[in-house]
C-alpha atoms as a PDB file:
ATOM      1  CA  MET A   1     105.784 171.540  46.065  1.00  0.00           C
ATOM      2  CA  GLU A   2     107.384 170.681  49.288  1.00  0.00           C
ATOM      3  CA  ASN A   3     105.477 171.623  52.356  1.00  0.00           C
ATOM      4  CA  LYS A   4     108.391 174.069  54.008  1.00  0.00           C
ATOM      5  CA  ASN A   5     108.005 176.787  56.410  1.00  0.00           C
ATOM      6  CA  PHE A   6     109.916 179.802  56.151  1.00  0.00           C
ATOM      7  CA  THR A   7     113.110 179.775  58.143  1.00  0.00           C
ATOM      8  CA  ALA A   8     116.042 182.296  58.735  1.00  0.00           C
ATOM      9  CA  THR A   9     119.328 182.173  61.052  1.00  0.00           C
ATOM     10  CA  LEU A  10     121.454 184.683  62.388  1.00  0.00           C
ATOM     11  CA  GLU A  11     124.602 184.331  64.319  1.00  0.00           C
ATOM     12  CA  VAL A  12     125.789 187.196  66.373  1.00  0.00           C
ATOM     13  CA  ALA A  13     128.366 187.884  69.045  1.00  0.00           C
ATOM     14  CA  LYS A  14     125.719 188.917  71.809  1.00  0.00           C
ATOM     15  CA  SER A  15     124.374 187.009  74.854  1.00  0.00           C
ATOM     16  CA  PRO A  16     121.177 184.972  74.612  1.00  0.00           C
ATOM     17  CA  GLN A  17     119.670 187.432  76.816  1.00  0.00           C
ATOM     18  CA  SER A  18     120.406 190.485  74.759  1.00  0.00           C
ATOM     19  CA  VAL A  19     118.918 188.810  71.690  1.00  0.00           C
ATOM     20  CA  PHE A  20     115.880 187.723  73.800  1.00  0.00           C
ATOM     21  CA  LYS A  21     115.494 191.347  74.724  1.00  0.00           C
ATOM     22  CA  SER A  22     115.609 192.964  71.210  1.00  0.00           C
ATOM     23  CA  ILE A  23     113.130 190.521  69.999  1.00  0.00           C
ATOM     24  CA  THR A  24     110.663 190.937  72.713  1.00  0.00           C
ATOM     25  CA  ASN A  25     111.305 194.451  74.243  1.00  0.00           C
ATOM     26  CA  ASP A  26     112.203 196.129  70.887  1.00  0.00           C
ATOM     27  CA  VAL A  27     109.754 194.905  68.274  1.00  0.00           C
ATOM     28  CA  VAL A  28     109.210 198.559  67.617  1.00  0.00           C
ATOM     29  CA  LYS A  29     112.573 198.961  66.833  1.00  0.00           C
ATOM     30  CA  TRP A  30     113.008 196.290  63.837  1.00  0.00           C
ATOM     31  CA  TRP A  31     109.714 195.363  62.657  1.00  0.00           C
ATOM     32  CA  GLY A  32     106.635 197.807  63.854  1.00  0.00           C
ATOM     33  CA  GLY A  33     107.825 201.294  64.182  1.00  0.00           C
ATOM     34  CA  LYS A  34     105.159 203.698  64.549  1.00  0.00           C
ATOM     35  CA  ASP A  35     102.749 200.906  63.275  1.00  0.00           C
ATOM     36  CA  LEU A  36     103.199 198.883  66.275  1.00  0.00           C
ATOM     37  CA  LYS A  37     100.455 199.045  69.032  1.00  0.00           C
ATOM     38  CA  GLY A  38     100.451 196.933  72.400  1.00  0.00           C
ATOM     39  CA  ASN A  39     102.906 194.616  74.185  1.00  0.00           C
ATOM     40  CA  SER A  40     105.397 192.060  73.336  1.00  0.00           C
ATOM     41  CA  THR A  41     107.213 191.228  76.287  1.00  0.00           C
ATOM     42  CA  LYS A  42     105.388 188.485  78.470  1.00  0.00           C
ATOM     43  CA  LEU A  43     103.208 185.428  77.894  1.00  0.00           C
ATOM     44  CA  ASN A  44      99.822 186.476  76.642  1.00  0.00           C
ATOM     45  CA  ASP A  45     100.714 189.857  75.599  1.00  0.00           C
ATOM     46  CA  GLU A  46      99.281 191.029  72.246  1.00  0.00           C
ATOM     47  CA  PHE A  47     100.571 193.578  69.579  1.00  0.00           C
ATOM     48  CA  ILE A  48      99.353 194.763  66.409  1.00  0.00           C
ATOM     49  CA  ILE A  49     101.404 195.496  63.359  1.00  0.00           C
ATOM     50  CA  ASN A  50      99.450 197.912  60.864  1.00  0.00           C
ATOM     51  CA  HIS A  51     100.878 199.050  57.617  1.00  0.00           C
ATOM     52  CA  PRO A  52      97.762 200.650  56.419  1.00  0.00           C
ATOM     53  CA  GLY A  53      96.894 199.360  53.088  1.00  0.00           C
ATOM     54  CA  ALA A  54      99.318 196.748  53.101  1.00  0.00           C
ATOM     55  CA  HIS A  55      99.728 194.825  56.060  1.00  0.00           C
ATOM     56  CA  TYR A  56      97.602 194.166  59.296  1.00  0.00           C
ATOM     57  CA  SER A  57      98.472 191.365  61.854  1.00  0.00           C
ATOM     58  CA  LYS A  58      97.710 190.668  65.384  1.00  0.00           C
ATOM     59  CA  GLN A  59     100.125 188.525  67.347  1.00  0.00           C
ATOM     60  CA  LYS A  60      99.876 186.966  70.861  1.00  0.00           C
ATOM     61  CA  LEU A  61     102.762 185.541  72.677  1.00  0.00           C
ATOM     62  CA  VAL A  62     101.877 181.884  73.492  1.00  0.00           C
ATOM     63  CA  GLU A  63     105.291 180.831  74.614  1.00  0.00           C
ATOM     64  CA  VAL A  64     108.131 182.378  76.362  1.00  0.00           C
ATOM     65  CA  VAL A  65     111.078 180.784  77.704  1.00  0.00           C
ATOM     66  CA  PRO A  66     113.479 183.956  78.564  1.00  0.00           C
ATOM     67  CA  GLY A  67     116.985 183.707  76.765  1.00  0.00           C
ATOM     68  CA  LYS A  68     115.624 180.692  74.916  1.00  0.00           C
ATOM     69  CA  LYS A  69     112.459 180.923  72.931  1.00  0.00           C
ATOM     70  CA  ILE A  70     109.568 182.993  72.123  1.00  0.00           C
ATOM     71  CA  VAL A  71     106.549 182.106  70.041  1.00  0.00           C
ATOM     72  CA  TRP A  72     104.048 184.522  68.496  1.00  0.00           C
ATOM     73  CA  LEU A  73     100.511 183.132  67.095  1.00  0.00           C
ATOM     74  CA  VAL A  74      99.040 185.441  64.501  1.00  0.00           C
ATOM     75  CA  THR A  75      95.282 185.689  65.628  1.00  0.00           C
ATOM     76  CA  ASP A  76      94.153 187.992  62.892  1.00  0.00           C
ATOM     77  CA  SER A  77      95.758 189.148  59.814  1.00  0.00           C
ATOM     78  CA  THR A  78      95.004 191.006  56.490  1.00  0.00           C
ATOM     79  CA  LEU A  79      97.646 191.257  53.471  1.00  0.00           C
ATOM     80  CA  TYR A  80      95.800 193.679  51.553  1.00  0.00           C
ATOM     81  CA  TRP A  81      97.836 192.908  48.196  1.00  0.00           C
ATOM     82  CA  LEU A  82      96.660 189.297  47.898  1.00  0.00           C
ATOM     83  CA  LYS A  83      94.206 188.394  45.588  1.00  0.00           C
ATOM     84  CA  LYS A  84      92.851 184.777  46.801  1.00  0.00           C
ATOM     85  CA  ASN A  85      92.863 184.804  50.572  1.00  0.00           C
ATOM     86  CA  GLN A  86      93.918 188.159  52.322  1.00  0.00           C
ATOM     87  CA  HIS A  87      94.323 186.375  55.879  1.00  0.00           C
ATOM     88  CA  GLU A  88      96.880 183.622  54.768  1.00  0.00           C
ATOM     89  CA  TRP A  89      99.085 184.372  58.257  1.00  0.00           C
ATOM     90  CA  ALA A  90      95.839 183.824  60.653  1.00  0.00           C
ATOM     91  CA  ASN A  91      96.778 180.898  62.763  1.00  0.00           C
ATOM     92  CA  THR A  92     100.554 180.767  61.728  1.00  0.00           C
ATOM     93  CA  LYS A  93     103.199 181.081  64.304  1.00  0.00           C
ATOM     94  CA  MET A  94     106.485 183.072  64.470  1.00  0.00           C
ATOM     95  CA  ILE A  95     108.843 180.996  66.386  1.00  0.00           C
ATOM     96  CA  PHE A  96     112.195 182.567  67.683  1.00  0.00           C
ATOM     97  CA  GLU A  97     114.639 179.925  69.087  1.00  0.00           C
ATOM     98  CA  ILE A  98     118.008 181.150  70.693  1.00  0.00           C
ATOM     99  CA  SER A  99     120.856 178.763  71.335  1.00  0.00           C
ATOM    100  CA  THR A 100     124.653 179.022  71.588  1.00  0.00           C
ATOM    101  CA  LYS A 101     127.519 177.700  69.461  1.00  0.00           C
ATOM    102  CA  GLY A 102     131.181 178.441  69.920  1.00  0.00           C
ATOM    103  CA  GLY A 103     130.930 181.340  71.846  1.00  0.00           C
ATOM    104  CA  LYS A 104     128.249 182.832  69.409  1.00  0.00           C
ATOM    105  CA  THR A 105     124.397 183.107  69.850  1.00  0.00           C
ATOM    106  CA  ILE A 106     122.273 181.734  67.258  1.00  0.00           C
ATOM    107  CA  LEU A 107     118.616 182.875  66.578  1.00  0.00           C
ATOM    108  CA  HIS A 108     116.605 180.446  64.463  1.00  0.00           C
ATOM    109  CA  PHE A 109     113.370 181.938  63.210  1.00  0.00           C
ATOM    110  CA  THR A 110     110.619 179.979  61.812  1.00  0.00           C
ATOM    111  CA  HIS A 111     107.333 181.459  60.379  1.00  0.00           C
ATOM    112  CA  GLU A 112     105.214 177.999  60.735  1.00  0.00           C
ATOM    113  CA  GLY A 113     102.419 178.184  58.217  1.00  0.00           C
ATOM    114  CA  LEU A 114     104.143 179.969  55.821  1.00  0.00           C
ATOM    115  CA  VAL A 115     105.084 177.755  53.008  1.00  0.00           C
ATOM    116  CA  PRO A 116     105.639 177.922  49.353  1.00  0.00           C
ATOM    117  CA  GLU A 117     102.041 176.966  48.572  1.00  0.00           C
ATOM    118  CA  LYS A 118     100.902 180.139  50.108  1.00  0.00           C
ATOM    119  CA  GLU A 119     100.013 182.786  47.600  1.00  0.00           C
ATOM    120  CA  CYS A 120     101.992 185.552  49.927  1.00  0.00           C
ATOM    121  CA  TYR A 121     105.365 183.374  50.042  1.00  0.00           C
ATOM    122  CA  ALA A 122     107.746 184.815  47.540  1.00  0.00           C
ATOM    123  CA  MET A 123     106.891 188.526  48.991  1.00  0.00           C
ATOM    124  CA  CYS A 124     107.087 187.352  52.475  1.00  0.00           C
ATOM    125  CA  GLU A 125     110.210 185.610  52.196  1.00  0.00           C
ATOM    126  CA  GLN A 126     111.544 188.738  50.723  1.00  0.00           C
ATOM    127  CA  GLY A 127     110.112 190.640  53.743  1.00  0.00           C
ATOM    128  CA  TRP A 128     111.155 188.372  56.524  1.00  0.00           C
ATOM    129  CA  ASN A 129     114.727 188.253  55.047  1.00  0.00           C
ATOM    130  CA  MET A 130     114.840 191.997  55.114  1.00  0.00           C
ATOM    131  CA  VAL A 131     113.112 192.344  58.698  1.00  0.00           C
ATOM    132  CA  ILE A 132     115.037 189.604  60.259  1.00  0.00           C
ATOM    133  CA  LYS A 133     118.481 189.431  58.636  1.00  0.00           C
ATOM    134  CA  ASP A 134     119.124 192.964  58.177  1.00  0.00           C
ATOM    135  CA  TYR A 135     116.395 195.178  60.681  1.00  0.00           C
ATOM    136  CA  LEU A 136     116.804 192.720  63.558  1.00  0.00           C
ATOM    137  CA  PHE A 137     120.230 191.447  62.772  1.00  0.00           C
ATOM    138  CA  ASN A 138     121.491 195.161  62.852  1.00  0.00           C
ATOM    139  CA  LEU A 139     119.471 196.039  65.902  1.00  0.00           C
ATOM    140  CA  ILE A 140     121.038 192.995  67.855  1.00  0.00           C
ATOM    141  CA  THR A 141     124.689 193.566  66.579  1.00  0.00           C
ATOM    142  CA  TYR A 142     125.008 197.369  66.356  1.00  0.00           C
ATOM    143  CA  ASP A 143     122.150 198.339  68.539  1.00  0.00           C
ATOM    144  CA  LYS A 144     120.939 200.357  65.282  1.00  0.00           C
ATOM    145  CA  PRO A 145     117.106 200.505  65.233  1.00  0.00           C
ATOM    146  CA  HIS A 146     115.453 200.456  61.664  1.00  0.00           C
ATOM    147  CA  PHE A 147     112.811 202.943  63.111  1.00  0.00           C
END
């Protein structure tokens, strides 16, 4: 199988700064809800997403370029529903790259290390498509929080 990281791309009619703010300041509104603890706005911040019995992950902000890029390193994780390796997300990175094209802002998301060879790939692909292309898109575009 091809070693290809999961990616998703959004095109929105908002400023790069607005997109950046939605990703960093508002994680609780598009991914974590009440299950998010910690901070997600500046370099070296750490936060935890804990959906008891299903998903636990701890992220650290390892790169922050305002209006352009955010990188989260997954420092710990447990995907309770996996049979082989429940810690597949550990040491993977979630990369948000923001650019502009023709008056629109482009958000390119990559979960580096989430590849088709991973046991969780099919379910995680469905989950990220919902979280990025639905929840985050609606927050950025319509200021409509999922949680």
